[in-house]
Amino acid sequence: MNTNHVTNTHDYYKNFFDFVKHRKYFYIASLIICLLGVIMLSWKGLNYGVDFRAGTSMDISSPQSIDKAKAEELLKANGATAETLTLGGDNATRLSARFSEILDEATVTKIKQSFVAAYGDSVSQEVNTVTPDMAIEQQNKALLAIGIASIAIALYVTIRFEWRFAIASIIAILHDAFVVISFFAIFRMEVNLPFMAAILTTIGYSINDKIVIFDRVRENLRFAKLKTTEDLSNMLHDSIWQTMKRNINTVLTVLIAAVCLLIFGSPAIKLFALAKIIGLTSGAYSSICIAGPLWYELKNKALGSKKKAAA
């Protein structure tokens, strides 16, 4: 590649939408979403599931379709009021109940006997109980996992590229994670261990998108003569569009799988799939509209400093 090729490349992409030029609009859009998330987190916090607070979860499977109203009556008759009650499986044959209190063994046994009497001897149930200590421990471990993943990614990008790429990447990755958290806070969706798994996988896919763009930026930097802010902007603009097709294809492939999980998956993984869809969409958006422009801001300052030093 030579400078003439760089110029010709820009001539090809110059009429495409300029993400760098319109970066402030993307900053504002992201800030609005994150601000709404902060307000909801400050006001009501997250809607933690049983995994992150004390309580009992119960999944009941039946050979027959389960009637939700009848299920509520059976639970209340045994002194248990479900906080959430969802039906799933083929023909509503699986019931997922979440209780904010810890059910004792006697109550759990009575509930199973009631459902056996109502739906037959083939009824089975799976019960998970989380104590207050376990809930706090799982919250701390989940936060620690996200922190370690973020630090490891920052170190990797710093070693492979440079610190400006690392800062832009980590801000964009945290943005992606917080966008998912904000959506779950705003719409009061349940936060559980599968949700945390979705956050971690979102971070992984997100950094992949950013590495693709930054790798092209680094390659173009080798041959570009950056004398002005416009030169830097044009180089980043070209790099984004040169990797656009690959990024779209990669994200669409995973999105299709996530959408299929959301539509055809069991109730237990629907929120995981939804969190993945939000995270993948945010990751693709931030790679193009946030990470690249943030690197541009940092690089532009360095370019301005060099000009002052030369003067």
C-alpha atoms as a PDB file:
ATOM      1  CA  MET A   1       0.000   0.000   0.000  1.00  0.00           C
ATOM      2  CA  ASN A   2       1.258   3.494  -0.799  1.00  0.00           C
ATOM      3  CA  THR A   3       0.041   7.038  -0.246  1.00  0.00           C
ATOM      4  CA  ASN A   4      -1.604   7.153  -3.678  1.00  0.00           C
ATOM      5  CA  HIS A   5      -3.617   4.057  -2.787  1.00  0.00           C
ATOM      6  CA  VAL A   6      -4.685   5.677   0.509  1.00  0.00           C
ATOM      7  CA  THR A   7      -5.880   8.745  -1.372  1.00  0.00           C
ATOM      8  CA  ASN A   8      -7.773   6.658  -3.918  1.00  0.00           C
ATOM      9  CA  THR A   9      -9.369   4.664  -1.125  1.00  0.00           C
ATOM     10  CA  HIS A  10     -10.646   7.816   0.508  1.00  0.00           C
ATOM     11  CA  ASP A  11     -12.032   9.040  -2.799  1.00  0.00           C
ATOM     12  CA  TYR A  12     -14.097   5.846  -2.899  1.00  0.00           C
ATOM     13  CA  TYR A  13     -15.446   6.158   0.674  1.00  0.00           C
ATOM     14  CA  LYS A  14     -15.773   9.957   0.956  1.00  0.00           C
ATOM     15  CA  ASN A  15     -19.466   9.978  -0.035  1.00  0.00           C
ATOM     16  CA  PHE A  16     -20.365   7.330   2.585  1.00  0.00           C
ATOM     17  CA  PHE A  17     -21.932   8.358   5.896  1.00  0.00           C
ATOM     18  CA  ASP A  18     -19.275  10.004   8.064  1.00  0.00           C
ATOM     19  CA  PHE A  19     -19.426   8.511  11.574  1.00  0.00           C
ATOM     20  CA  VAL A  20     -16.500  10.619  12.751  1.00  0.00           C
ATOM     21  CA  LYS A  21     -18.097  13.886  11.673  1.00  0.00           C
ATOM     22  CA  HIS A  22     -21.388  13.040  13.428  1.00  0.00           C
ATOM     23  CA  ARG A  23     -19.762  11.525  16.534  1.00  0.00           C
ATOM     24  CA  LYS A  24     -21.296  14.078  18.928  1.00  0.00           C
ATOM     25  CA  TYR A  25     -24.800  12.851  18.099  1.00  0.00           C
ATOM     26  CA  PHE A  26     -23.758   9.304  18.973  1.00  0.00           C
ATOM     27  CA  TYR A  27     -22.170  10.502  22.222  1.00  0.00           C
ATOM     28  CA  ILE A  28     -25.439  12.255  23.141  1.00  0.00           C
ATOM     29  CA  ALA A  29     -27.566   9.185  22.310  1.00  0.00           C
ATOM     30  CA  SER A  30     -25.363   6.934  24.448  1.00  0.00           C
ATOM     31  CA  LEU A  31     -25.325   9.423  27.312  1.00  0.00           C
ATOM     32  CA  ILE A  32     -29.135   9.617  27.302  1.00  0.00           C
ATOM     33  CA  ILE A  33     -29.493   5.827  27.542  1.00  0.00           C
ATOM     34  CA  CYS A  34     -26.841   5.580  30.254  1.00  0.00           C
ATOM     35  CA  LEU A  35     -28.346   8.514  32.163  1.00  0.00           C
ATOM     36  CA  LEU A  36     -31.773   6.839  32.137  1.00  0.00           C
ATOM     37  CA  GLY A  37     -30.070   3.709  33.419  1.00  0.00           C
ATOM     38  CA  VAL A  38     -28.348   5.608  36.235  1.00  0.00           C
ATOM     39  CA  ILE A  39     -31.649   7.231  37.244  1.00  0.00           C
ATOM     40  CA  MET A  40     -33.449   3.866  37.355  1.00  0.00           C
ATOM     41  CA  LEU A  41     -30.576   2.218  39.226  1.00  0.00           C
ATOM     42  CA  SER A  42     -30.554   5.047  41.777  1.00  0.00           C
ATOM     43  CA  TRP A  43     -34.338   4.997  42.113  1.00  0.00           C
ATOM     44  CA  LYS A  44     -35.282   1.313  42.065  1.00  0.00           C
ATOM     45  CA  GLY A  45     -32.063  -0.597  41.494  1.00  0.00           C
ATOM     46  CA  LEU A  46     -31.935  -3.828  39.510  1.00  0.00           C
ATOM     47  CA  ASN A  47     -34.671  -6.423  39.632  1.00  0.00           C
ATOM     48  CA  TYR A  48     -32.509  -9.198  41.075  1.00  0.00           C
ATOM     49  CA  GLY A  49     -33.634 -12.767  40.592  1.00  0.00           C
ATOM     50  CA  VAL A  50     -33.244 -15.551  43.122  1.00  0.00           C
ATOM     51  CA  ASP A  51     -29.599 -16.036  42.090  1.00  0.00           C
ATOM     52  CA  PHE A  52     -28.676 -12.664  43.605  1.00  0.00           C
ATOM     53  CA  ARG A  53     -31.023 -12.454  46.569  1.00  0.00           C
ATOM     54  CA  ALA A  54     -32.381 -14.876  49.125  1.00  0.00           C
ATOM     55  CA  GLY A  55     -35.287 -16.969  47.928  1.00  0.00           C
ATOM     56  CA  THR A  56     -36.432 -20.150  46.235  1.00  0.00           C
ATOM     57  CA  SER A  57     -36.980 -20.954  42.578  1.00  0.00           C
ATOM     58  CA  MET A  58     -39.087 -23.890  41.480  1.00  0.00           C
ATOM     59  CA  ASP A  59     -39.481 -25.403  38.011  1.00  0.00           C
ATOM     60  CA  ILE A  60     -42.384 -27.838  37.648  1.00  0.00           C
ATOM     61  CA  SER A  61     -42.798 -30.059  34.582  1.00  0.00           C
ATOM     62  CA  SER A  62     -46.070 -31.778  33.731  1.00  0.00           C
ATOM     63  CA  PRO A  63     -47.219 -34.138  30.959  1.00  0.00           C
ATOM     64  CA  GLN A  64     -50.326 -31.934  30.656  1.00  0.00           C
ATOM     65  CA  SER A  65     -50.742 -28.230  29.967  1.00  0.00           C
ATOM     66  CA  ILE A  66     -50.568 -26.207  33.178  1.00  0.00           C
ATOM     67  CA  ASP A  67     -53.193 -23.557  33.823  1.00  0.00           C
ATOM     68  CA  LYS A  68     -51.585 -20.456  35.309  1.00  0.00           C
ATOM     69  CA  ALA A  69     -54.579 -19.434  37.433  1.00  0.00           C
ATOM     70  CA  LYS A  70     -54.906 -22.965  38.800  1.00  0.00           C
ATOM     71  CA  ALA A  71     -51.173 -23.078  39.542  1.00  0.00           C
ATOM     72  CA  GLU A  72     -51.438 -19.854  41.553  1.00  0.00           C
ATOM     73  CA  GLU A  73     -54.294 -21.356  43.572  1.00  0.00           C
ATOM     74  CA  LEU A  74     -52.302 -24.533  44.292  1.00  0.00           C
ATOM     75  CA  LEU A  75     -49.314 -22.511  45.470  1.00  0.00           C
ATOM     76  CA  LYS A  76     -51.410 -20.222  47.699  1.00  0.00           C
ATOM     77  CA  ALA A  77     -53.229 -23.225  49.159  1.00  0.00           C
ATOM     78  CA  ASN A  78     -49.839 -24.422  50.419  1.00  0.00           C
ATOM     79  CA  GLY A  79     -48.846 -21.046  51.858  1.00  0.00           C
ATOM     80  CA  ALA A  80     -46.547 -19.978  49.016  1.00  0.00           C
ATOM     81  CA  THR A  81     -47.061 -16.845  46.909  1.00  0.00           C
ATOM     82  CA  ALA A  82     -44.880 -16.646  43.815  1.00  0.00           C
ATOM     83  CA  GLU A  83     -43.266 -13.320  42.991  1.00  0.00           C
ATOM     84  CA  THR A  84     -43.080 -14.317  39.325  1.00  0.00           C
ATOM     85  CA  LEU A  85     -44.874 -17.147  37.584  1.00  0.00           C
ATOM     86  CA  THR A  86     -44.134 -18.038  33.946  1.00  0.00           C
ATOM     87  CA  LEU A  87     -45.230 -20.854  31.663  1.00  0.00           C
ATOM     88  CA  GLY A  88     -43.059 -22.413  28.987  1.00  0.00           C
ATOM     89  CA  GLY A  89     -42.328 -25.547  27.062  1.00  0.00           C
ATOM     90  CA  ASP A  90     -44.526 -27.147  24.449  1.00  0.00           C
ATOM     91  CA  ASN A  91     -48.203 -26.452  25.231  1.00  0.00           C
ATOM     92  CA  ALA A  92     -47.306 -24.729  28.528  1.00  0.00           C
ATOM     93  CA  THR A  93     -46.121 -27.918  30.236  1.00  0.00           C
ATOM     94  CA  ARG A  94     -43.397 -26.228  32.298  1.00  0.00           C
ATOM     95  CA  LEU A  95     -44.008 -23.788  35.147  1.00  0.00           C
ATOM     96  CA  SER A  96     -41.279 -21.557  36.593  1.00  0.00           C
ATOM     97  CA  ALA A  97     -42.068 -20.002  39.958  1.00  0.00           C
ATOM     98  CA  ARG A  98     -39.857 -17.569  41.866  1.00  0.00           C
ATOM     99  CA  PHE A  99     -40.389 -16.910  45.579  1.00  0.00           C
ATOM    100  CA  SER A 100     -38.827 -14.047  47.520  1.00  0.00           C
ATOM    101  CA  GLU A 101     -38.884 -16.155  50.691  1.00  0.00           C
ATOM    102  CA  ILE A 102     -37.017 -19.400  51.337  1.00  0.00           C
ATOM    103  CA  LEU A 103     -39.471 -22.321  51.245  1.00  0.00           C
ATOM    104  CA  ASP A 104     -38.936 -25.113  53.756  1.00  0.00           C
ATOM    105  CA  GLU A 105     -38.882 -28.764  52.722  1.00  0.00           C
ATOM    106  CA  ALA A 106     -42.368 -29.427  54.058  1.00  0.00           C
ATOM    107  CA  THR A 107     -43.872 -26.662  51.882  1.00  0.00           C
ATOM    108  CA  VAL A 108     -41.939 -27.858  48.818  1.00  0.00           C
ATOM    109  CA  THR A 109     -43.232 -31.406  49.359  1.00  0.00           C
ATOM    110  CA  LYS A 110     -46.827 -30.190  49.756  1.00  0.00           C
ATOM    111  CA  ILE A 111     -46.597 -28.173  46.541  1.00  0.00           C
ATOM    112  CA  LYS A 112     -45.343 -31.194  44.591  1.00  0.00           C
ATOM    113  CA  GLN A 113     -48.105 -33.385  46.017  1.00  0.00           C
ATOM    114  CA  SER A 114     -50.712 -30.801  45.009  1.00  0.00           C
ATOM    115  CA  PHE A 115     -49.447 -30.682  41.420  1.00  0.00           C
ATOM    116  CA  VAL A 116     -49.231 -34.489  41.278  1.00  0.00           C
ATOM    117  CA  ALA A 117     -52.859 -34.663  42.409  1.00  0.00           C
ATOM    118  CA  ALA A 118     -53.878 -32.110  39.781  1.00  0.00           C
ATOM    119  CA  TYR A 119     -51.753 -33.212  36.808  1.00  0.00           C
ATOM    120  CA  GLY A 120     -50.742 -36.817  37.403  1.00  0.00           C
ATOM    121  CA  ASP A 121     -47.874 -38.883  38.811  1.00  0.00           C
ATOM    122  CA  SER A 122     -45.471 -37.836  36.026  1.00  0.00           C
ATOM    123  CA  VAL A 123     -45.096 -34.335  37.480  1.00  0.00           C
ATOM    124  CA  SER A 124     -41.480 -33.502  38.360  1.00  0.00           C
ATOM    125  CA  GLN A 125     -39.954 -30.481  39.992  1.00  0.00           C
ATOM    126  CA  GLU A 126     -36.558 -28.859  40.377  1.00  0.00           C
ATOM    127  CA  VAL A 127     -35.966 -26.602  43.387  1.00  0.00           C
ATOM    128  CA  ASN A 128     -33.093 -24.151  43.952  1.00  0.00           C
ATOM    129  CA  THR A 129     -32.676 -22.191  47.155  1.00  0.00           C
ATOM    130  CA  VAL A 130     -30.313 -19.272  47.672  1.00  0.00           C
ATOM    131  CA  THR A 131     -29.478 -18.064  51.179  1.00  0.00           C
ATOM    132  CA  PRO A 132     -28.635 -14.382  51.892  1.00  0.00           C
ATOM    133  CA  ASP A 133     -24.908 -15.213  52.215  1.00  0.00           C
ATOM    134  CA  MET A 134     -24.908 -17.086  48.904  1.00  0.00           C
ATOM    135  CA  ALA A 135     -26.704 -14.201  47.176  1.00  0.00           C
ATOM    136  CA  ILE A 136     -24.113 -11.655  48.333  1.00  0.00           C
ATOM    137  CA  GLU A 137     -21.257 -13.988  47.395  1.00  0.00           C
ATOM    138  CA  GLN A 138     -22.652 -14.518  43.875  1.00  0.00           C
ATOM    139  CA  GLN A 139     -23.100 -10.754  43.377  1.00  0.00           C
ATOM    140  CA  ASN A 140     -19.493 -10.127  44.411  1.00  0.00           C
ATOM    141  CA  LYS A 141     -18.152 -12.906  42.183  1.00  0.00           C
ATOM    142  CA  ALA A 142     -20.142 -11.643  39.209  1.00  0.00           C
ATOM    143  CA  LEU A 143     -18.785  -8.102  39.630  1.00  0.00           C
ATOM    144  CA  LEU A 144     -15.256  -9.485  40.097  1.00  0.00           C
ATOM    145  CA  ALA A 145     -15.558 -11.516  36.875  1.00  0.00           C
ATOM    146  CA  ILE A 146     -16.612  -8.435  34.896  1.00  0.00           C
ATOM    147  CA  GLY A 147     -13.786  -6.385  36.437  1.00  0.00           C
ATOM    148  CA  ILE A 148     -11.122  -9.007  35.672  1.00  0.00           C
ATOM    149  CA  ALA A 149     -12.382  -9.436  32.104  1.00  0.00           C
ATOM    150  CA  SER A 150     -12.296  -5.669  31.519  1.00  0.00           C
ATOM    151  CA  ILE A 151      -8.758  -5.306  32.925  1.00  0.00           C
ATOM    152  CA  ALA A 152      -7.478  -8.288  30.913  1.00  0.00           C
ATOM    153  CA  ILE A 153      -8.938  -6.851  27.697  1.00  0.00           C
ATOM    154  CA  ALA A 154      -7.402  -3.435  28.420  1.00  0.00           C
ATOM    155  CA  LEU A 155      -3.971  -5.026  28.917  1.00  0.00           C
ATOM    156  CA  TYR A 156      -4.313  -7.110  25.767  1.00  0.00           C
ATOM    157  CA  VAL A 157      -5.253  -4.120  23.605  1.00  0.00           C
ATOM    158  CA  THR A 158      -2.454  -2.009  25.150  1.00  0.00           C
ATOM    159  CA  ILE A 159       0.155  -4.661  24.362  1.00  0.00           C
ATOM    160  CA  ARG A 160      -1.127  -5.414  20.869  1.00  0.00           C
ATOM    161  CA  PHE A 161      -1.859  -1.817  19.852  1.00  0.00           C
ATOM    162  CA  GLU A 162      -1.276   1.233  22.067  1.00  0.00           C
ATOM    163  CA  TRP A 163      -2.783   2.871  25.124  1.00  0.00           C
ATOM    164  CA  ARG A 164      -5.139   5.135  23.109  1.00  0.00           C
ATOM    165  CA  PHE A 165      -6.748   2.095  21.518  1.00  0.00           C
ATOM    166  CA  ALA A 166      -7.003   0.474  24.969  1.00  0.00           C
ATOM    167  CA  ILE A 167      -8.726   3.483  26.560  1.00  0.00           C
ATOM    168  CA  ALA A 168     -11.187   3.820  23.679  1.00  0.00           C
ATOM    169  CA  SER A 169     -11.901   0.066  23.773  1.00  0.00           C
ATOM    170  CA  ILE A 170     -12.466  -0.195  27.505  1.00  0.00           C
ATOM    171  CA  ILE A 171     -14.774   2.842  27.577  1.00  0.00           C
ATOM    172  CA  ALA A 172     -16.798   1.408  24.684  1.00  0.00           C
ATOM    173  CA  ILE A 173     -16.925  -2.058  26.280  1.00  0.00           C
ATOM    174  CA  LEU A 174     -18.111  -0.668  29.616  1.00  0.00           C
ATOM    175  CA  HIS A 175     -20.640   1.351  27.607  1.00  0.00           C
ATOM    176  CA  ASP A 176     -21.958  -1.873  26.045  1.00  0.00           C
ATOM    177  CA  ALA A 177     -22.235  -3.620  29.400  1.00  0.00           C
ATOM    178  CA  PHE A 178     -23.975  -0.634  30.967  1.00  0.00           C
ATOM    179  CA  VAL A 179     -26.420  -0.317  28.053  1.00  0.00           C
ATOM    180  CA  VAL A 180     -27.579  -3.893  28.744  1.00  0.00           C
ATOM    181  CA  ILE A 181     -27.810  -3.143  32.471  1.00  0.00           C
ATOM    182  CA  SER A 182     -29.716   0.075  31.723  1.00  0.00           C
ATOM    183  CA  PHE A 183     -32.307  -1.733  29.581  1.00  0.00           C
ATOM    184  CA  PHE A 184     -32.859  -4.326  32.291  1.00  0.00           C
ATOM    185  CA  ALA A 185     -33.134  -1.587  34.938  1.00  0.00           C
ATOM    186  CA  ILE A 186     -35.532   0.571  32.890  1.00  0.00           C
ATOM    187  CA  PHE A 187     -37.872  -2.298  31.937  1.00  0.00           C
ATOM    188  CA  ARG A 188     -37.526  -4.097  35.301  1.00  0.00           C
ATOM    189  CA  MET A 189     -36.400  -7.384  33.793  1.00  0.00           C
ATOM    190  CA  GLU A 190     -34.953 -10.041  36.066  1.00  0.00           C
ATOM    191  CA  VAL A 191     -31.189 -10.079  36.630  1.00  0.00           C
ATOM    192  CA  ASN A 192     -29.781 -13.545  37.310  1.00  0.00           C
ATOM    193  CA  LEU A 193     -26.690 -15.654  36.607  1.00  0.00           C
ATOM    194  CA  PRO A 194     -27.532 -16.174  32.907  1.00  0.00           C
ATOM    195  CA  PHE A 195     -27.749 -12.369  32.657  1.00  0.00           C
ATOM    196  CA  MET A 196     -24.197 -12.068  34.011  1.00  0.00           C
ATOM    197  CA  ALA A 197     -23.077 -14.705  31.487  1.00  0.00           C
ATOM    198  CA  ALA A 198     -24.669 -12.558  28.766  1.00  0.00           C
ATOM    199  CA  ILE A 199     -22.733  -9.509  30.023  1.00  0.00           C
ATOM    200  CA  LEU A 200     -19.427 -11.405  29.884  1.00  0.00           C
ATOM    201  CA  THR A 201     -20.082 -12.784  26.399  1.00  0.00           C
ATOM    202  CA  THR A 202     -21.148  -9.295  25.298  1.00  0.00           C
ATOM    203  CA  ILE A 203     -17.756  -8.012  26.421  1.00  0.00           C
ATOM    204  CA  GLY A 204     -16.052 -10.770  24.417  1.00  0.00           C
ATOM    205  CA  TYR A 205     -17.967 -10.122  21.190  1.00  0.00           C
ATOM    206  CA  SER A 206     -17.668  -6.373  21.680  1.00  0.00           C
ATOM    207  CA  ILE A 207     -13.873  -6.385  21.861  1.00  0.00           C
ATOM    208  CA  ASN A 208     -13.772  -8.573  18.744  1.00  0.00           C
ATOM    209  CA  ASP A 209     -15.616  -5.900  16.731  1.00  0.00           C
ATOM    210  CA  LYS A 210     -13.326  -3.189  18.020  1.00  0.00           C
ATOM    211  CA  ILE A 211     -10.156  -5.173  17.309  1.00  0.00           C
ATOM    212  CA  VAL A 212     -11.251  -5.608  13.683  1.00  0.00           C
ATOM    213  CA  ILE A 213     -11.622  -1.841  13.204  1.00  0.00           C
ATOM    214  CA  PHE A 214      -8.517  -0.899  15.190  1.00  0.00           C
ATOM    215  CA  ASP A 215      -6.411  -3.447  13.326  1.00  0.00           C
ATOM    216  CA  ARG A 216      -7.367  -1.749  10.070  1.00  0.00           C
ATOM    217  CA  VAL A 217      -6.698   1.685  11.599  1.00  0.00           C
ATOM    218  CA  ARG A 218      -3.223   0.556  12.666  1.00  0.00           C
ATOM    219  CA  GLU A 219      -2.526  -0.796   9.192  1.00  0.00           C
ATOM    220  CA  ASN A 220      -3.661   2.434   7.536  1.00  0.00           C
ATOM    221  CA  LEU A 221      -1.602   4.497  10.008  1.00  0.00           C
ATOM    222  CA  ARG A 222       1.565   2.905   8.634  1.00  0.00           C
ATOM    223  CA  PHE A 223       1.047   4.494   5.221  1.00  0.00           C
ATOM    224  CA  ALA A 224      -0.999   7.624   5.976  1.00  0.00           C
ATOM    225  CA  LYS A 225       0.664  11.023   6.295  1.00  0.00           C
ATOM    226  CA  LEU A 226      -1.304  12.720   9.039  1.00  0.00           C
ATOM    227  CA  LYS A 227      -0.621  16.428   8.913  1.00  0.00           C
ATOM    228  CA  THR A 228      -4.062  17.808   9.761  1.00  0.00           C
ATOM    229  CA  THR A 229      -7.159  16.866  11.749  1.00  0.00           C
ATOM    230  CA  GLU A 230      -8.944  16.239   8.468  1.00  0.00           C
ATOM    231  CA  ASP A 231      -6.297  13.699   7.443  1.00  0.00           C
ATOM    232  CA  LEU A 232      -6.866  11.802  10.701  1.00  0.00           C
ATOM    233  CA  SER A 233     -10.633  11.961  10.320  1.00  0.00           C
ATOM    234  CA  ASN A 234     -10.479  10.709   6.722  1.00  0.00           C
ATOM    235  CA  MET A 235      -8.196   7.828   7.680  1.00  0.00           C
ATOM    236  CA  LEU A 236     -10.532   6.665  10.468  1.00  0.00           C
ATOM    237  CA  HIS A 237     -13.575   7.126   8.236  1.00  0.00           C
ATOM    238  CA  ASP A 238     -12.012   4.897   5.571  1.00  0.00           C
ATOM    239  CA  SER A 239     -10.961   2.280   8.147  1.00  0.00           C
ATOM    240  CA  ILE A 240     -14.506   2.025   9.521  1.00  0.00           C
ATOM    241  CA  TRP A 241     -16.031   1.514   6.099  1.00  0.00           C
ATOM    242  CA  GLN A 242     -13.333  -0.937   5.004  1.00  0.00           C
ATOM    243  CA  THR A 243     -14.331  -3.239   7.893  1.00  0.00           C
ATOM    244  CA  MET A 244     -18.081  -2.520   7.795  1.00  0.00           C
ATOM    245  CA  LYS A 245     -19.053  -5.594   5.769  1.00  0.00           C
ATOM    246  CA  ARG A 246     -17.091  -7.948   8.014  1.00  0.00           C
ATOM    247  CA  ASN A 247     -18.533  -6.433  11.189  1.00  0.00           C
ATOM    248  CA  ILE A 248     -22.108  -6.600   9.911  1.00  0.00           C
ATOM    249  CA  ASN A 249     -21.746 -10.216   8.782  1.00  0.00           C
ATOM    250  CA  THR A 250     -20.197 -11.270  12.097  1.00  0.00           C
ATOM    251  CA  VAL A 251     -22.847  -9.562  14.223  1.00  0.00           C
ATOM    252  CA  LEU A 252     -25.754 -10.778  12.070  1.00  0.00           C
ATOM    253  CA  THR A 253     -24.549 -14.380  12.341  1.00  0.00           C
ATOM    254  CA  VAL A 254     -24.585 -14.272  16.141  1.00  0.00           C
ATOM    255  CA  LEU A 255     -27.774 -12.195  16.268  1.00  0.00           C
ATOM    256  CA  ILE A 256     -29.649 -14.826  14.267  1.00  0.00           C
ATOM    257  CA  ALA A 257     -28.638 -17.471  16.812  1.00  0.00           C
ATOM    258  CA  ALA A 258     -29.627 -15.195  19.724  1.00  0.00           C
ATOM    259  CA  VAL A 259     -33.006 -14.383  18.177  1.00  0.00           C
ATOM    260  CA  CYS A 260     -33.680 -18.100  17.663  1.00  0.00           C
ATOM    261  CA  LEU A 261     -32.894 -18.705  21.350  1.00  0.00           C
ATOM    262  CA  LEU A 262     -35.287 -15.913  22.301  1.00  0.00           C
ATOM    263  CA  ILE A 263     -38.118 -17.259  20.141  1.00  0.00           C
ATOM    264  CA  PHE A 264     -37.685 -21.007  20.520  1.00  0.00           C
ATOM    265  CA  GLY A 265     -35.707 -21.309  23.762  1.00  0.00           C
ATOM    266  CA  SER A 266     -37.085 -22.227  27.170  1.00  0.00           C
ATOM    267  CA  PRO A 267     -38.148 -19.491  29.622  1.00  0.00           C
ATOM    268  CA  ALA A 268     -34.919 -20.058  31.569  1.00  0.00           C
ATOM    269  CA  ILE A 269     -32.753 -18.719  28.710  1.00  0.00           C
ATOM    270  CA  LYS A 270     -35.060 -16.125  27.138  1.00  0.00           C
ATOM    271  CA  LEU A 271     -33.675 -13.275  29.256  1.00  0.00           C
ATOM    272  CA  PHE A 272     -30.143 -14.471  28.490  1.00  0.00           C
ATOM    273  CA  ALA A 273     -30.957 -14.338  24.781  1.00  0.00           C
ATOM    274  CA  LEU A 274     -32.531 -10.888  25.125  1.00  0.00           C
ATOM    275  CA  ALA A 275     -29.486  -9.571  26.992  1.00  0.00           C
ATOM    276  CA  LYS A 276     -27.289 -11.024  24.237  1.00  0.00           C
ATOM    277  CA  ILE A 277     -29.322  -9.302  21.516  1.00  0.00           C
ATOM    278  CA  ILE A 278     -29.083  -5.946  23.296  1.00  0.00           C
ATOM    279  CA  GLY A 279     -25.370  -6.433  23.980  1.00  0.00           C
ATOM    280  CA  LEU A 280     -24.529  -7.501  20.419  1.00  0.00           C
ATOM    281  CA  THR A 281     -26.426  -4.561  18.967  1.00  0.00           C
ATOM    282  CA  SER A 282     -24.754  -2.155  21.373  1.00  0.00           C
ATOM    283  CA  GLY A 283     -21.340  -3.698  20.668  1.00  0.00           C
ATOM    284  CA  ALA A 284     -21.696  -3.267  16.908  1.00  0.00           C
ATOM    285  CA  TYR A 285     -22.919   0.312  17.417  1.00  0.00           C
ATOM    286  CA  SER A 286     -20.191   1.301  19.878  1.00  0.00           C
ATOM    287  CA  SER A 287     -17.401  -0.187  17.745  1.00  0.00           C
ATOM    288  CA  ILE A 288     -18.315   2.123  14.884  1.00  0.00           C
ATOM    289  CA  CYS A 289     -19.834   5.129  16.625  1.00  0.00           C
ATOM    290  CA  ILE A 290     -18.067   5.288  20.009  1.00  0.00           C
ATOM    291  CA  ALA A 291     -14.728   3.439  20.110  1.00  0.00           C
ATOM    292  CA  GLY A 292     -13.373   4.783  16.808  1.00  0.00           C
ATOM    293  CA  PRO A 293     -14.373   8.404  17.486  1.00  0.00           C
ATOM    294  CA  LEU A 294     -12.970   8.210  21.047  1.00  0.00           C
ATOM    295  CA  TRP A 295      -9.632   7.045  19.664  1.00  0.00           C
ATOM    296  CA  TYR A 296      -9.849   9.928  17.183  1.00  0.00           C
ATOM    297  CA  GLU A 297     -10.282  12.418  20.061  1.00  0.00           C
ATOM    298  CA  LEU A 298      -7.187  11.080  21.819  1.00  0.00           C
ATOM    299  CA  LYS A 299      -5.076  10.845  18.665  1.00  0.00           C
ATOM    300  CA  ASN A 300      -6.153  14.305  17.550  1.00  0.00           C
ATOM    301  CA  LYS A 301      -4.874  15.784  20.811  1.00  0.00           C
ATOM    302  CA  ALA A 302      -1.519  14.093  20.268  1.00  0.00           C
ATOM    303  CA  LEU A 303      -1.425  15.440  16.710  1.00  0.00           C
ATOM    304  CA  GLY A 304      -2.123  18.948  17.992  1.00  0.00           C
ATOM    305  CA  SER A 305       0.625  18.622  20.628  1.00  0.00           C
ATOM    306  CA  LYS A 306       3.158  17.644  17.962  1.00  0.00           C
ATOM    307  CA  LYS A 307       2.243  20.703  15.894  1.00  0.00           C
ATOM    308  CA  LYS A 308       2.766  23.004  18.881  1.00  0.00           C
ATOM    309  CA  ALA A 309       6.117  21.364  19.671  1.00  0.00           C
ATOM    310  CA  ALA A 310       7.238  21.755  16.051  1.00  0.00           C
ATOM    311  CA  ALA A 311       6.235  25.424  16.076  1.00  0.00           C
END
